[in-house]
PDB file of N, CA and C in Angstrom:
ATOM      1  N   MET A   1      50.883 -70.729   0.942  1.00  0.00           N
ATOM      2  CA  MET A   1      51.487 -69.427   0.740  1.00  0.00           C
ATOM      3  C   MET A   1      52.160 -69.415  -0.628  1.00  0.00           C
ATOM      4  N   ASP A   2      51.946 -68.335  -1.378  1.00  0.00           N
ATOM      5  CA  ASP A   2      52.575 -68.154  -2.680  1.00  0.00           C
ATOM      6  C   ASP A   2      53.333 -66.833  -2.687  1.00  0.00           C
ATOM      7  N   VAL A   3      54.415 -66.798  -3.444  1.00  0.00           N
ATOM      8  CA  VAL A   3      55.224 -65.587  -3.576  1.00  0.00           C
ATOM      9  C   VAL A   3      55.607 -65.433  -5.042  1.00  0.00           C
ATOM     10  N   VAL A   4      55.543 -64.214  -5.557  1.00  0.00           N
ATOM     11  CA  VAL A   4      56.035 -63.917  -6.898  1.00  0.00           C
ATOM     12  C   VAL A   4      56.991 -62.739  -6.816  1.00  0.00           C
ATOM     13  N   ASN A   5      57.913 -62.687  -7.734  1.00  0.00           N
ATOM     14  CA  ASN A   5      58.862 -61.586  -7.814  1.00  0.00           C
ATOM     15  C   ASN A   5      58.373 -60.639  -8.905  1.00  0.00           C
ATOM     16  N   LEU A   6      57.934 -59.446  -8.512  1.00  0.00           N
ATOM     17  CA  LEU A   6      57.370 -58.504  -9.486  1.00  0.00           C
ATOM     18  C   LEU A   6      58.418 -58.024 -10.479  1.00  0.00           C
ATOM     19  N   ASP A   7      59.688 -57.932 -10.077  1.00  0.00           N
ATOM     20  CA  ASP A   7      60.738 -57.560 -11.028  1.00  0.00           C
ATOM     21  C   ASP A   7      60.816 -58.576 -12.160  1.00  0.00           C
ATOM     22  N   GLU A   8      60.693 -59.858 -11.827  1.00  0.00           N
ATOM     23  CA  GLU A   8      60.696 -60.909 -12.858  1.00  0.00           C
ATOM     24  C   GLU A   8      59.448 -60.812 -13.733  1.00  0.00           C
ATOM     25  N   MET A   9      58.311 -60.506 -13.138  1.00  0.00           N
ATOM     26  CA  MET A   9      57.070 -60.370 -13.898  1.00  0.00           C
ATOM     27  C   MET A   9      57.167 -59.190 -14.874  1.00  0.00           C
ATOM     28  N   ILE A  10      57.747 -58.074 -14.430  1.00  0.00           N
ATOM     29  CA  ILE A  10      57.882 -56.896 -15.288  1.00  0.00           C
ATOM     30  C   ILE A  10      58.706 -57.226 -16.531  1.00  0.00           C
ATOM     31  N   LYS A  11      59.743 -58.045 -16.371  1.00  0.00           N
ATOM     32  CA  LYS A  11      60.620 -58.405 -17.494  1.00  0.00           C
ATOM     33  C   LYS A  11      59.875 -59.128 -18.610  1.00  0.00           C
ATOM     34  N   THR A  12      58.741 -59.759 -18.308  1.00  0.00           N
ATOM     35  CA  THR A  12      57.990 -60.480 -19.345  1.00  0.00           C
ATOM     36  C   THR A  12      57.289 -59.518 -20.298  1.00  0.00           C
ATOM     37  N   ALA A  13      57.054 -58.276 -19.848  1.00  0.00           N
ATOM     38  CA  ALA A  13      56.389 -57.242 -20.650  1.00  0.00           C
ATOM     39  C   ALA A  13      55.013 -57.688 -21.149  1.00  0.00           C
ATOM     40  N   LYS A  14      54.356 -58.590 -20.417  1.00  0.00           N
ATOM     41  CA  LYS A  14      52.984 -58.984 -20.770  1.00  0.00           C
ATOM     42  C   LYS A  14      52.033 -57.903 -20.299  1.00  0.00           C
ATOM     43  N   ARG A  15      50.988 -57.656 -21.073  1.00  0.00           N
ATOM     44  CA  ARG A  15      50.029 -56.589 -20.762  1.00  0.00           C
ATOM     45  C   ARG A  15      49.317 -56.833 -19.433  1.00  0.00           C
ATOM     46  N   LYS A  16      48.919 -58.077 -19.169  1.00  0.00           N
ATOM     47  CA  LYS A  16      48.250 -58.400 -17.906  1.00  0.00           C
ATOM     48  C   LYS A  16      48.735 -59.749 -17.421  1.00  0.00           C
ATOM     49  N   ILE A  17      49.095 -59.785 -16.156  1.00  0.00           N
ATOM     50  CA  ILE A  17      49.523 -61.028 -15.523  1.00  0.00           C
ATOM     51  C   ILE A  17      48.671 -61.227 -14.278  1.00  0.00           C
ATOM     52  N   ASP A  18      47.856 -62.277 -14.271  1.00  0.00           N
ATOM     53  CA  ASP A  18      47.101 -62.615 -13.069  1.00  0.00           C
ATOM     54  C   ASP A  18      48.070 -63.212 -12.065  1.00  0.00           C
ATOM     55  N   LEU A  19      48.090 -62.671 -10.849  1.00  0.00           N
ATOM     56  CA  LEU A  19      49.035 -63.129  -9.839  1.00  0.00           C
ATOM     57  C   LEU A  19      48.396 -64.102  -8.861  1.00  0.00           C
ATOM     58  N   PHE A  20      47.405 -63.650  -8.123  1.00  0.00           N
ATOM     59  CA  PHE A  20      46.767 -64.497  -7.114  1.00  0.00           C
ATOM     60  C   PHE A  20      45.266 -64.343  -7.183  1.00  0.00           C
ATOM     61  N   GLY A  21      44.565 -65.391  -6.799  1.00  0.00           N
ATOM     62  CA  GLY A  21      43.125 -65.340  -6.717  1.00  0.00           C
ATOM     63  C   GLY A  21      42.636 -66.429  -5.789  1.00  0.00           C
ATOM     64  N   ALA A  22      41.713 -66.069  -4.922  1.00  0.00           N
ATOM     65  CA  ALA A  22      41.126 -67.036  -3.994  1.00  0.00           C
ATOM     66  C   ALA A  22      39.726 -66.545  -3.654  1.00  0.00           C
ATOM     67  N   GLY A  23      38.748 -67.399  -3.868  1.00  0.00           N
ATOM     68  CA  GLY A  23      37.385 -66.991  -3.567  1.00  0.00           C
ATOM     69  C   GLY A  23      37.021 -65.740  -4.342  1.00  0.00           C
ATOM     70  N   ASN A  24      36.705 -64.671  -3.637  1.00  0.00           N
ATOM     71  CA  ASN A  24      36.308 -63.433  -4.314  1.00  0.00           C
ATOM     72  C   ASN A  24      37.416 -62.380  -4.298  1.00  0.00           C
ATOM     73  N   PHE A  25      38.677 -62.770  -4.132  1.00  0.00           N
ATOM     74  CA  PHE A  25      39.799 -61.833  -4.143  1.00  0.00           C
ATOM     75  C   PHE A  25      40.750 -62.188  -5.272  1.00  0.00           C
ATOM     76  N   ARG A  26      41.307 -61.154  -5.920  1.00  0.00           N
ATOM     77  CA  ARG A  26      42.325 -61.397  -6.932  1.00  0.00           C
ATOM     78  C   ARG A  26      43.283 -60.224  -7.024  1.00  0.00           C
ATOM     79  N   SER A  27      44.483 -60.527  -7.498  1.00  0.00           N
ATOM     80  CA  SER A  27      45.491 -59.486  -7.726  1.00  0.00           C
ATOM     81  C   SER A  27      46.177 -59.769  -9.053  1.00  0.00           C
ATOM     82  N   TRP A  28      46.721 -58.718  -9.667  1.00  0.00           N
ATOM     83  CA  TRP A  28      47.299 -58.830 -10.990  1.00  0.00           C
ATOM     84  C   TRP A  28      48.308 -57.715 -11.191  1.00  0.00           C
ATOM     85  N   MET A  29      49.053 -57.797 -12.278  1.00  0.00           N
ATOM     86  CA  MET A  29      49.957 -56.737 -12.673  1.00  0.00           C
ATOM     87  C   MET A  29      49.613 -56.342 -14.102  1.00  0.00           C
ATOM     88  N   LEU A  30      49.586 -55.030 -14.358  1.00  0.00           N
ATOM     89  CA  LEU A  30      49.335 -54.500 -15.691  1.00  0.00           C
ATOM     90  C   LEU A  30      50.606 -53.843 -16.208  1.00  0.00           C
ATOM     91  N   TYR A  31      50.883 -54.036 -17.488  1.00  0.00           N
ATOM     92  CA  TYR A  31      52.072 -53.478 -18.139  1.00  0.00           C
ATOM     93  C   TYR A  31      51.599 -52.802 -19.419  1.00  0.00           C
ATOM     94  N   PHE A  32      51.661 -51.468 -19.456  1.00  0.00           N
ATOM     95  CA  PHE A  32      51.198 -50.721 -20.618  1.00  0.00           C
ATOM     96  C   PHE A  32      52.359 -49.997 -21.275  1.00  0.00           C
ATOM     97  N   VAL A  33      52.556 -50.246 -22.562  1.00  0.00           N
ATOM     98  CA  VAL A  33      53.545 -49.487 -23.325  1.00  0.00           C
ATOM     99  C   VAL A  33      52.982 -48.079 -23.526  1.00  0.00           C
ATOM    100  N   PRO A  34      53.833 -47.097 -23.873  1.00  0.00           N
ATOM    101  CA  PRO A  34      53.331 -45.737 -24.084  1.00  0.00           C
ATOM    102  C   PRO A  34      52.130 -45.710 -25.039  1.00  0.00           C
ATOM    103  N   GLY A  35      51.082 -45.015 -24.615  1.00  0.00           N
ATOM    104  CA  GLY A  35      49.870 -44.904 -25.419  1.00  0.00           C
ATOM    105  C   GLY A  35      48.820 -45.957 -25.125  1.00  0.00           C
ATOM    106  N   ASP A  36      49.199 -47.065 -24.483  1.00  0.00           N
ATOM    107  CA  ASP A  36      48.262 -48.152 -24.193  1.00  0.00           C
ATOM    108  C   ASP A  36      47.581 -47.908 -22.849  1.00  0.00           C
ATOM    109  N   GLY A  37      46.500 -48.625 -22.598  1.00  0.00           N
ATOM    110  CA  GLY A  37      45.796 -48.508 -21.328  1.00  0.00           C
ATOM    111  C   GLY A  37      44.534 -49.332 -21.312  1.00  0.00           C
ATOM    112  N   THR A  38      43.669 -49.048 -20.351  1.00  0.00           N
ATOM    113  CA  THR A  38      42.430 -49.798 -20.191  1.00  0.00           C
ATOM    114  C   THR A  38      41.290 -49.125 -20.945  1.00  0.00           C
ATOM    115  N   ASP A  39      40.207 -49.850 -21.104  1.00  0.00           N
ATOM    116  CA  ASP A  39      38.944 -49.269 -21.540  1.00  0.00           C
ATOM    117  C   ASP A  39      38.353 -48.510 -20.353  1.00  0.00           C
ATOM    118  N   MET A  40      37.379 -47.646 -20.601  1.00  0.00           N
ATOM    119  CA  MET A  40      36.602 -47.020 -19.535  1.00  0.00           C
ATOM    120  C   MET A  40      35.695 -48.106 -18.959  1.00  0.00           C
ATOM    121  N   HIS A  41      35.769 -48.336 -17.643  1.00  0.00           N
ATOM    122  CA  HIS A  41      34.961 -49.376 -17.018  1.00  0.00           C
ATOM    123  C   HIS A  41      34.883 -49.147 -15.505  1.00  0.00           C
ATOM    124  N   TYR A  42      34.123 -50.010 -14.815  1.00  0.00           N
ATOM    125  CA  TYR A  42      34.057 -49.944 -13.353  1.00  0.00           C
ATOM    126  C   TYR A  42      33.987 -51.357 -12.802  1.00  0.00           C
ATOM    127  N   HIS A  43      34.136 -51.449 -11.469  1.00  0.00           N
ATOM    128  CA  HIS A  43      33.971 -52.708 -10.759  1.00  0.00           C
ATOM    129  C   HIS A  43      33.014 -52.471  -9.591  1.00  0.00           C
ATOM    130  N   ASN A  44      32.369 -53.533  -9.140  1.00  0.00           N
ATOM    131  CA  ASN A  44      31.358 -53.412  -8.091  1.00  0.00           C
ATOM    132  C   ASN A  44      31.932 -53.201  -6.698  1.00  0.00           C
ATOM    133  N   ASN A  45      33.208 -53.479  -6.511  1.00  0.00           N
ATOM    134  CA  ASN A  45      33.847 -53.329  -5.205  1.00  0.00           C
ATOM    135  C   ASN A  45      35.043 -52.397  -5.311  1.00  0.00           C
ATOM    136  N   PRO A  46      35.544 -51.899  -4.177  1.00  0.00           N
ATOM    137  CA  PRO A  46      36.716 -51.027  -4.211  1.00  0.00           C
ATOM    138  C   PRO A  46      37.904 -51.723  -4.873  1.00  0.00           C
ATOM    139  N   GLU A  47      38.771 -50.912  -5.448  1.00  0.00           N
ATOM    140  CA  GLU A  47      39.935 -51.428  -6.164  1.00  0.00           C
ATOM    141  C   GLU A  47      41.112 -50.490  -5.884  1.00  0.00           C
ATOM    142  N   THR A  48      42.310 -51.057  -5.792  1.00  0.00           N
ATOM    143  CA  THR A  48      43.505 -50.230  -5.625  1.00  0.00           C
ATOM    144  C   THR A  48      44.549 -50.621  -6.658  1.00  0.00           C
ATOM    145  N   PHE A  49      45.377 -49.641  -7.009  1.00  0.00           N
ATOM    146  CA  PHE A  49      46.527 -49.853  -7.884  1.00  0.00           C
ATOM    147  C   PHE A  49      47.735 -49.171  -7.259  1.00  0.00           C
ATOM    148  N   LEU A  50      48.852 -49.889  -7.225  1.00  0.00           N
ATOM    149  CA  LEU A  50      50.139 -49.324  -6.845  1.00  0.00           C
ATOM    150  C   LEU A  50      50.929 -49.149  -8.133  1.00  0.00           C
ATOM    151  N   VAL A  51      51.401 -47.932  -8.400  1.00  0.00           N
ATOM    152  CA  VAL A  51      52.189 -47.671  -9.600  1.00  0.00           C
ATOM    153  C   VAL A  51      53.632 -48.096  -9.311  1.00  0.00           C
ATOM    154  N   LEU A  52      54.060 -49.170  -9.973  1.00  0.00           N
ATOM    155  CA  LEU A  52      55.410 -49.703  -9.775  1.00  0.00           C
ATOM    156  C   LEU A  52      56.445 -48.987 -10.625  1.00  0.00           C
ATOM    157  N   ALA A  53      56.043 -48.550 -11.804  1.00  0.00           N
ATOM    158  CA  ALA A  53      56.975 -47.874 -12.716  1.00  0.00           C
ATOM    159  C   ALA A  53      56.182 -47.041 -13.706  1.00  0.00           C
ATOM    160  N   GLY A  54      56.811 -45.977 -14.198  1.00  0.00           N
ATOM    161  CA  GLY A  54      56.217 -45.163 -15.245  1.00  0.00           C
ATOM    162  C   GLY A  54      55.259 -44.107 -14.732  1.00  0.00           C
ATOM    163  N   SER A  55      54.516 -43.557 -15.685  1.00  0.00           N
ATOM    164  CA  SER A  55      53.547 -42.511 -15.366  1.00  0.00           C
ATOM    165  C   SER A  55      52.396 -42.586 -16.356  1.00  0.00           C
ATOM    166  N   GLY A  56      51.285 -41.997 -15.961  1.00  0.00           N
ATOM    167  CA  GLY A  56      50.116 -42.016 -16.828  1.00  0.00           C
ATOM    168  C   GLY A  56      49.037 -41.114 -16.296  1.00  0.00           C
ATOM    169  N   VAL A  57      47.821 -41.351 -16.769  1.00  0.00           N
ATOM    170  CA  VAL A  57      46.661 -40.553 -16.397  1.00  0.00           C
ATOM    171  C   VAL A  57      45.502 -41.494 -16.118  1.00  0.00           C
ATOM    172  N   VAL A  58      44.741 -41.180 -15.072  1.00  0.00           N
ATOM    173  CA  VAL A  58      43.478 -41.860 -14.792  1.00  0.00           C
ATOM    174  C   VAL A  58      42.377 -40.879 -15.130  1.00  0.00           C
ATOM    175  N   LYS A  59      41.468 -41.318 -15.975  1.00  0.00           N
ATOM    176  CA  LYS A  59      40.366 -40.469 -16.427  1.00  0.00           C
ATOM    177  C   LYS A  59      39.060 -41.037 -15.900  1.00  0.00           C
ATOM    178  N   GLY A  60      38.165 -40.158 -15.434  1.00  0.00           N
ATOM    179  CA  GLY A  60      36.843 -40.560 -14.987  1.00  0.00           C
ATOM    180  C   GLY A  60      35.824 -40.431 -16.104  1.00  0.00           C
ATOM    181  N   LEU A  61      34.632 -40.931 -15.871  1.00  0.00           N
ATOM    182  CA  LEU A  61      33.568 -40.942 -16.879  1.00  0.00           C
ATOM    183  C   LEU A  61      33.163 -39.534 -17.305  1.00  0.00           C
ATOM    184  N   LYS A  62      33.285 -38.565 -16.404  1.00  0.00           N
ATOM    185  CA  LYS A  62      32.902 -37.187 -16.714  1.00  0.00           C
ATOM    186  C   LYS A  62      34.058 -36.389 -17.307  1.00  0.00           C
ATOM    187  N   GLY A  63      35.168 -37.053 -17.637  1.00  0.00           N
ATOM    188  CA  GLY A  63      36.289 -36.392 -18.277  1.00  0.00           C
ATOM    189  C   GLY A  63      37.362 -35.886 -17.331  1.00  0.00           C
ATOM    190  N   GLU A  64      37.130 -35.992 -16.014  1.00  0.00           N
ATOM    191  CA  GLU A  64      38.147 -35.542 -15.084  1.00  0.00           C
ATOM    192  C   GLU A  64      39.393 -36.425 -15.198  1.00  0.00           C
ATOM    193  N   GLU A  65      40.568 -35.826 -15.038  1.00  0.00           N
ATOM    194  CA  GLU A  65      41.824 -36.566 -15.172  1.00  0.00           C
ATOM    195  C   GLU A  65      42.713 -36.319 -13.964  1.00  0.00           C
ATOM    196  N   ARG A  66      43.483 -37.336 -13.625  1.00  0.00           N
ATOM    197  CA  ARG A  66      44.442 -37.231 -12.524  1.00  0.00           C
ATOM    198  C   ARG A  66      45.720 -37.939 -12.963  1.00  0.00           C
ATOM    199  N   PRO A  67      46.872 -37.242 -12.961  1.00  0.00           N
ATOM    200  CA  PRO A  67      48.120 -37.918 -13.297  1.00  0.00           C
ATOM    201  C   PRO A  67      48.512 -38.911 -12.200  1.00  0.00           C
ATOM    202  N   ILE A  68      49.162 -39.990 -12.587  1.00  0.00           N
ATOM    203  CA  ILE A  68      49.704 -40.966 -11.633  1.00  0.00           C
ATOM    204  C   ILE A  68      51.159 -41.228 -12.000  1.00  0.00           C
ATOM    205  N   ARG A  69      51.963 -41.577 -10.995  1.00  0.00           N
ATOM    206  CA  ARG A  69      53.380 -41.849 -11.231  1.00  0.00           C
ATOM    207  C   ARG A  69      53.878 -42.870 -10.218  1.00  0.00           C
ATOM    208  N   GLN A  70      55.097 -43.315 -10.408  1.00  0.00           N
ATOM    209  CA  GLN A  70      55.703 -44.346  -9.578  1.00  0.00           C
ATOM    210  C   GLN A  70      55.544 -44.043  -8.087  1.00  0.00           C
ATOM    211  N   ASN A  71      55.234 -45.096  -7.338  1.00  0.00           N
ATOM    212  CA  ASN A  71      55.075 -45.086  -5.876  1.00  0.00           C
ATOM    213  C   ASN A  71      53.806 -44.404  -5.392  1.00  0.00           C
ATOM    214  N   GLU A  72      52.877 -44.096  -6.288  1.00  0.00           N
ATOM    215  CA  GLU A  72      51.573 -43.602  -5.865  1.00  0.00           C
ATOM    216  C   GLU A  72      50.589 -44.769  -5.835  1.00  0.00           C
ATOM    217  N   VAL A  73      49.593 -44.652  -4.965  1.00  0.00           N
ATOM    218  CA  VAL A  73      48.536 -45.654  -4.862  1.00  0.00           C
ATOM    219  C   VAL A  73      47.228 -44.994  -5.258  1.00  0.00           C
ATOM    220  N   LEU A  74      46.528 -45.614  -6.180  1.00  0.00           N
ATOM    221  CA  LEU A  74      45.232 -45.137  -6.657  1.00  0.00           C
ATOM    222  C   LEU A  74      44.145 -45.968  -5.997  1.00  0.00           C
ATOM    223  N   PHE A  75      43.162 -45.317  -5.404  1.00  0.00           N
ATOM    224  CA  PHE A  75      42.017 -45.995  -4.807  1.00  0.00           C
ATOM    225  C   PHE A  75      40.774 -45.608  -5.581  1.00  0.00           C
ATOM    226  N   LEU A  76      39.982 -46.608  -5.950  1.00  0.00           N
ATOM    227  CA  LEU A  76      38.734 -46.381  -6.685  1.00  0.00           C
ATOM    228  C   LEU A  76      37.571 -46.934  -5.880  1.00  0.00           C
ATOM    229  N   GLU A  77      36.561 -46.101  -5.702  1.00  0.00           N
ATOM    230  CA  GLU A  77      35.339 -46.502  -5.001  1.00  0.00           C
ATOM    231  C   GLU A  77      34.563 -47.504  -5.860  1.00  0.00           C
ATOM    232  N   PRO A  78      33.660 -48.270  -5.256  1.00  0.00           N
ATOM    233  CA  PRO A  78      32.804 -49.158  -6.045  1.00  0.00           C
ATOM    234  C   PRO A  78      32.048 -48.378  -7.121  1.00  0.00           C
ATOM    235  N   LYS A  79      31.994 -48.922  -8.308  1.00  0.00           N
ATOM    236  CA  LYS A  79      31.258 -48.384  -9.449  1.00  0.00           C
ATOM    237  C   LYS A  79      31.763 -47.038  -9.947  1.00  0.00           C
ATOM    238  N   ASP A  80      32.999 -46.657  -9.584  1.00  0.00           N
ATOM    239  CA  ASP A  80      33.641 -45.471 -10.174  1.00  0.00           C
ATOM    240  C   ASP A  80      34.178 -45.866 -11.543  1.00  0.00           C
ATOM    241  N   TYR A  81      33.621 -45.286 -12.602  1.00  0.00           N
ATOM    242  CA  TYR A  81      34.169 -45.537 -13.928  1.00  0.00           C
ATOM    243  C   TYR A  81      35.565 -44.941 -14.004  1.00  0.00           C
ATOM    244  N   TYR A  82      36.470 -45.635 -14.675  1.00  0.00           N
ATOM    245  CA  TYR A  82      37.820 -45.112 -14.857  1.00  0.00           C
ATOM    246  C   TYR A  82      38.468 -45.709 -16.099  1.00  0.00           C
ATOM    247  N   GLN A  83      39.478 -45.003 -16.564  1.00  0.00           N
ATOM    248  CA  GLN A  83      40.304 -45.454 -17.680  1.00  0.00           C
ATOM    249  C   GLN A  83      41.736 -45.038 -17.353  1.00  0.00           C
ATOM    250  N   ILE A  84      42.664 -45.965 -17.428  1.00  0.00           N
ATOM    251  CA  ILE A  84      44.074 -45.680 -17.173  1.00  0.00           C
ATOM    252  C   ILE A  84      44.808 -45.696 -18.506  1.00  0.00           C
ATOM    253  N   THR A  85      45.636 -44.675 -18.762  1.00  0.00           N
ATOM    254  CA  THR A  85      46.403 -44.583 -19.998  1.00  0.00           C
ATOM    255  C   THR A  85      47.843 -44.218 -19.677  1.00  0.00           C
ATOM    256  N   ASN A  86      48.779 -44.889 -20.338  1.00  0.00           N
ATOM    257  CA  ASN A  86      50.194 -44.550 -20.222  1.00  0.00           C
ATOM    258  C   ASN A  86      50.449 -43.337 -21.108  1.00  0.00           C
ATOM    259  N   THR A  87      50.713 -42.196 -20.481  1.00  0.00           N
ATOM    260  CA  THR A  87      51.000 -40.970 -21.216  1.00  0.00           C
ATOM    261  C   THR A  87      52.498 -40.652 -21.197  1.00  0.00           C
ATOM    262  N   GLY A  88      53.278 -41.545 -20.608  1.00  0.00           N
ATOM    263  CA  GLY A  88      54.715 -41.332 -20.515  1.00  0.00           C
ATOM    264  C   GLY A  88      55.470 -41.934 -21.686  1.00  0.00           C
ATOM    265  N   THR A  89      56.790 -41.976 -21.557  1.00  0.00           N
ATOM    266  CA  THR A  89      57.658 -42.518 -22.600  1.00  0.00           C
ATOM    267  C   THR A  89      58.234 -43.883 -22.229  1.00  0.00           C
ATOM    268  N   GLU A  90      57.968 -44.346 -21.014  1.00  0.00           N
ATOM    269  CA  GLU A  90      58.418 -45.639 -20.521  1.00  0.00           C
ATOM    270  C   GLU A  90      57.193 -46.494 -20.201  1.00  0.00           C
ATOM    271  N   PRO A  91      57.368 -47.805 -20.007  1.00  0.00           N
ATOM    272  CA  PRO A  91      56.227 -48.637 -19.624  1.00  0.00           C
ATOM    273  C   PRO A  91      55.595 -48.165 -18.308  1.00  0.00           C
ATOM    274  N   LEU A  92      54.271 -48.226 -18.242  1.00  0.00           N
ATOM    275  CA  LEU A  92      53.509 -47.968 -17.019  1.00  0.00           C
ATOM    276  C   LEU A  92      53.168 -49.335 -16.447  1.00  0.00           C
ATOM    277  N   VAL A  93      53.622 -49.606 -15.220  1.00  0.00           N
ATOM    278  CA  VAL A  93      53.413 -50.904 -14.590  1.00  0.00           C
ATOM    279  C   VAL A  93      52.659 -50.695 -13.285  1.00  0.00           C
ATOM    280  N   LEU A  94      51.544 -51.419 -13.135  1.00  0.00           N
ATOM    281  CA  LEU A  94      50.690 -51.272 -11.961  1.00  0.00           C
ATOM    282  C   LEU A  94      50.432 -52.626 -11.316  1.00  0.00           C
ATOM    283  N   PHE A  95      50.371 -52.645 -10.007  1.00  0.00           N
ATOM    284  CA  PHE A  95      49.919 -53.810  -9.247  1.00  0.00           C
ATOM    285  C   PHE A  95      48.518 -53.486  -8.774  1.00  0.00           C
ATOM    286  N   GLY A  96      47.539 -54.330  -9.105  1.00  0.00           N
ATOM    287  CA  GLY A  96      46.152 -54.071  -8.738  1.00  0.00           C
ATOM    288  C   GLY A  96      45.550 -55.189  -7.923  1.00  0.00           C
ATOM    289  N   ASN A  97      44.530 -54.839  -7.137  1.00  0.00           N
ATOM    290  CA  ASN A  97      43.775 -55.866  -6.416  1.00  0.00           C
ATOM    291  C   ASN A  97      42.372 -55.366  -6.108  1.00  0.00           C
ATOM    292  N   ARG A  98      41.462 -56.319  -5.974  1.00  0.00           N
ATOM    293  CA  ARG A  98      40.088 -56.032  -5.570  1.00  0.00           C
ATOM    294  C   ARG A  98      39.468 -57.326  -5.075  1.00  0.00           C
ATOM    295  N   SER A  99      38.301 -57.189  -4.477  1.00  0.00           N
ATOM    296  CA  SER A  99      37.677 -58.348  -3.848  1.00  0.00           C
ATOM    297  C   SER A  99      36.496 -58.908  -4.629  1.00  0.00           C
ATOM    298  N   GLU A 100      36.484 -58.718  -5.930  1.00  0.00           N
ATOM    299  CA  GLU A 100      35.484 -59.366  -6.774  1.00  0.00           C
ATOM    300  C   GLU A 100      36.009 -59.449  -8.192  1.00  0.00           C
ATOM    301  N   ALA A 101      35.462 -60.358  -8.959  1.00  0.00           N
ATOM    302  CA  ALA A 101      36.065 -60.678 -10.250  1.00  0.00           C
ATOM    303  C   ALA A 101      35.494 -59.933 -11.444  1.00  0.00           C
ATOM    304  N   PHE A 102      34.278 -59.390 -11.372  1.00  0.00           N
ATOM    305  CA  PHE A 102      33.694 -58.782 -12.565  1.00  0.00           C
ATOM    306  C   PHE A 102      33.160 -57.402 -12.259  1.00  0.00           C
ATOM    307  N   GLY A 103      33.290 -56.513 -13.200  1.00  0.00           N
ATOM    308  CA  GLY A 103      32.784 -55.151 -13.041  1.00  0.00           C
ATOM    309  C   GLY A 103      31.747 -54.829 -14.086  1.00  0.00           C
ATOM    310  N   GLY A 104      31.711 -53.584 -14.453  1.00  0.00           N
ATOM    311  CA  GLY A 104      30.724 -53.111 -15.409  1.00  0.00           C
ATOM    312  C   GLY A 104      31.225 -53.186 -16.830  1.00  0.00           C
ATOM    313  N   PRO A 105      30.519 -52.547 -17.729  1.00  0.00           N
ATOM    314  CA  PRO A 105      30.889 -52.585 -19.134  1.00  0.00           C
ATOM    315  C   PRO A 105      32.254 -51.960 -19.387  1.00  0.00           C
ATOM    316  N   HIS A 106      32.930 -52.459 -20.393  1.00  0.00           N
ATOM    317  CA  HIS A 106      34.190 -51.880 -20.853  1.00  0.00           C
ATOM    318  C   HIS A 106      33.866 -51.062 -22.086  1.00  0.00           C
ATOM    319  N   ILE A 107      33.974 -49.754 -21.969  1.00  0.00           N
ATOM    320  CA  ILE A 107      33.531 -48.855 -23.025  1.00  0.00           C
ATOM    321  C   ILE A 107      34.687 -48.568 -23.983  1.00  0.00           C
ATOM    322  N   LYS A 108      34.493 -48.901 -25.260  1.00  0.00           N
ATOM    323  CA  LYS A 108      35.502 -48.643 -26.286  1.00  0.00           C
ATOM    324  C   LYS A 108      35.476 -47.168 -26.679  1.00  0.00           C
ATOM    325  N   ALA A 109      36.476 -46.756 -27.439  1.00  0.00           N
ATOM    326  CA  ALA A 109      36.594 -45.351 -27.857  1.00  0.00           C
ATOM    327  C   ALA A 109      35.348 -44.852 -28.571  1.00  0.00           C
ATOM    328  N   ASP A 110      34.641 -45.734 -29.276  1.00  0.00           N
ATOM    329  CA  ASP A 110      33.425 -45.321 -30.004  1.00  0.00           C
ATOM    330  C   ASP A 110      32.182 -45.286 -29.121  1.00  0.00           C
ATOM    331  N   GLY A 111      32.348 -45.594 -27.804  1.00  0.00           N
ATOM    332  CA  GLY A 111      31.238 -45.551 -26.877  1.00  0.00           C
ATOM    333  C   GLY A 111      30.497 -46.860 -26.701  1.00  0.00           C
ATOM    334  N   SER A 112      30.822 -47.883 -27.494  1.00  0.00           N
ATOM    335  CA  SER A 112      30.145 -49.157 -27.376  1.00  0.00           C
ATOM    336  C   SER A 112      30.803 -50.022 -26.286  1.00  0.00           C
ATOM    337  N   ASP A 113      30.052 -51.005 -25.801  1.00  0.00           N
ATOM    338  CA  ASP A 113      30.528 -51.914 -24.759  1.00  0.00           C
ATOM    339  C   ASP A 113      31.284 -53.067 -25.409  1.00  0.00           C
ATOM    340  N   ARG A 114      32.574 -53.233 -25.040  1.00  0.00           N
ATOM    341  CA  ARG A 114      33.414 -54.280 -25.607  1.00  0.00           C
ATOM    342  C   ARG A 114      32.809 -55.676 -25.366  1.00  0.00           C
ATOM    343  N   ASN A 115      32.095 -55.853 -24.252  1.00  0.00           N
ATOM    344  CA  ASN A 115      31.590 -57.171 -23.890  1.00  0.00           C
ATOM    345  C   ASN A 115      30.138 -57.414 -24.299  1.00  0.00           C
ATOM    346  N   ALA A 116      29.509 -56.449 -24.948  1.00  0.00           N
ATOM    347  CA  ALA A 116      28.099 -56.603 -25.330  1.00  0.00           C
ATOM    348  C   ALA A 116      27.942 -57.685 -26.397  1.00  0.00           C
ATOM    349  N   GLN A 117      26.874 -58.411 -26.270  1.00  0.00           N
ATOM    350  CA  GLN A 117      26.546 -59.439 -27.244  1.00  0.00           C
ATOM    351  C   GLN A 117      25.863 -58.801 -28.447  1.00  0.00           C
ATOM    352  N   ALA A 118      26.261 -59.198 -29.625  1.00  0.00           N
ATOM    353  CA  ALA A 118      25.671 -58.634 -30.844  1.00  0.00           C
ATOM    354  C   ALA A 118      24.320 -59.226 -31.126  1.00  0.00           C
TER     355      ALA A 118
END
């Protein structure tokens, strides 16, 4: 059994902190300063995020947007492209988990895949 204190993790202000992982399950915490966020991407299995602090926007591949804020839980279906951005003035902190380690391409602002081999 392992335990972490998320308040202590938040104080580190690291962008991503891997918390737990076993077999095909993992959990992590994301910390985004205002304006920061993820690339547009997807994962092969369902994924959830609990918003611990702050506010932001989740954008889908077709441009749809949904605001998120503290104490909301975001659920993403398998292969749902998404991008999370901190649109607030305070850090956006999320606790995430899913049951697999790799997803789809991470699409940069110019439309290219961050992980593509040149």
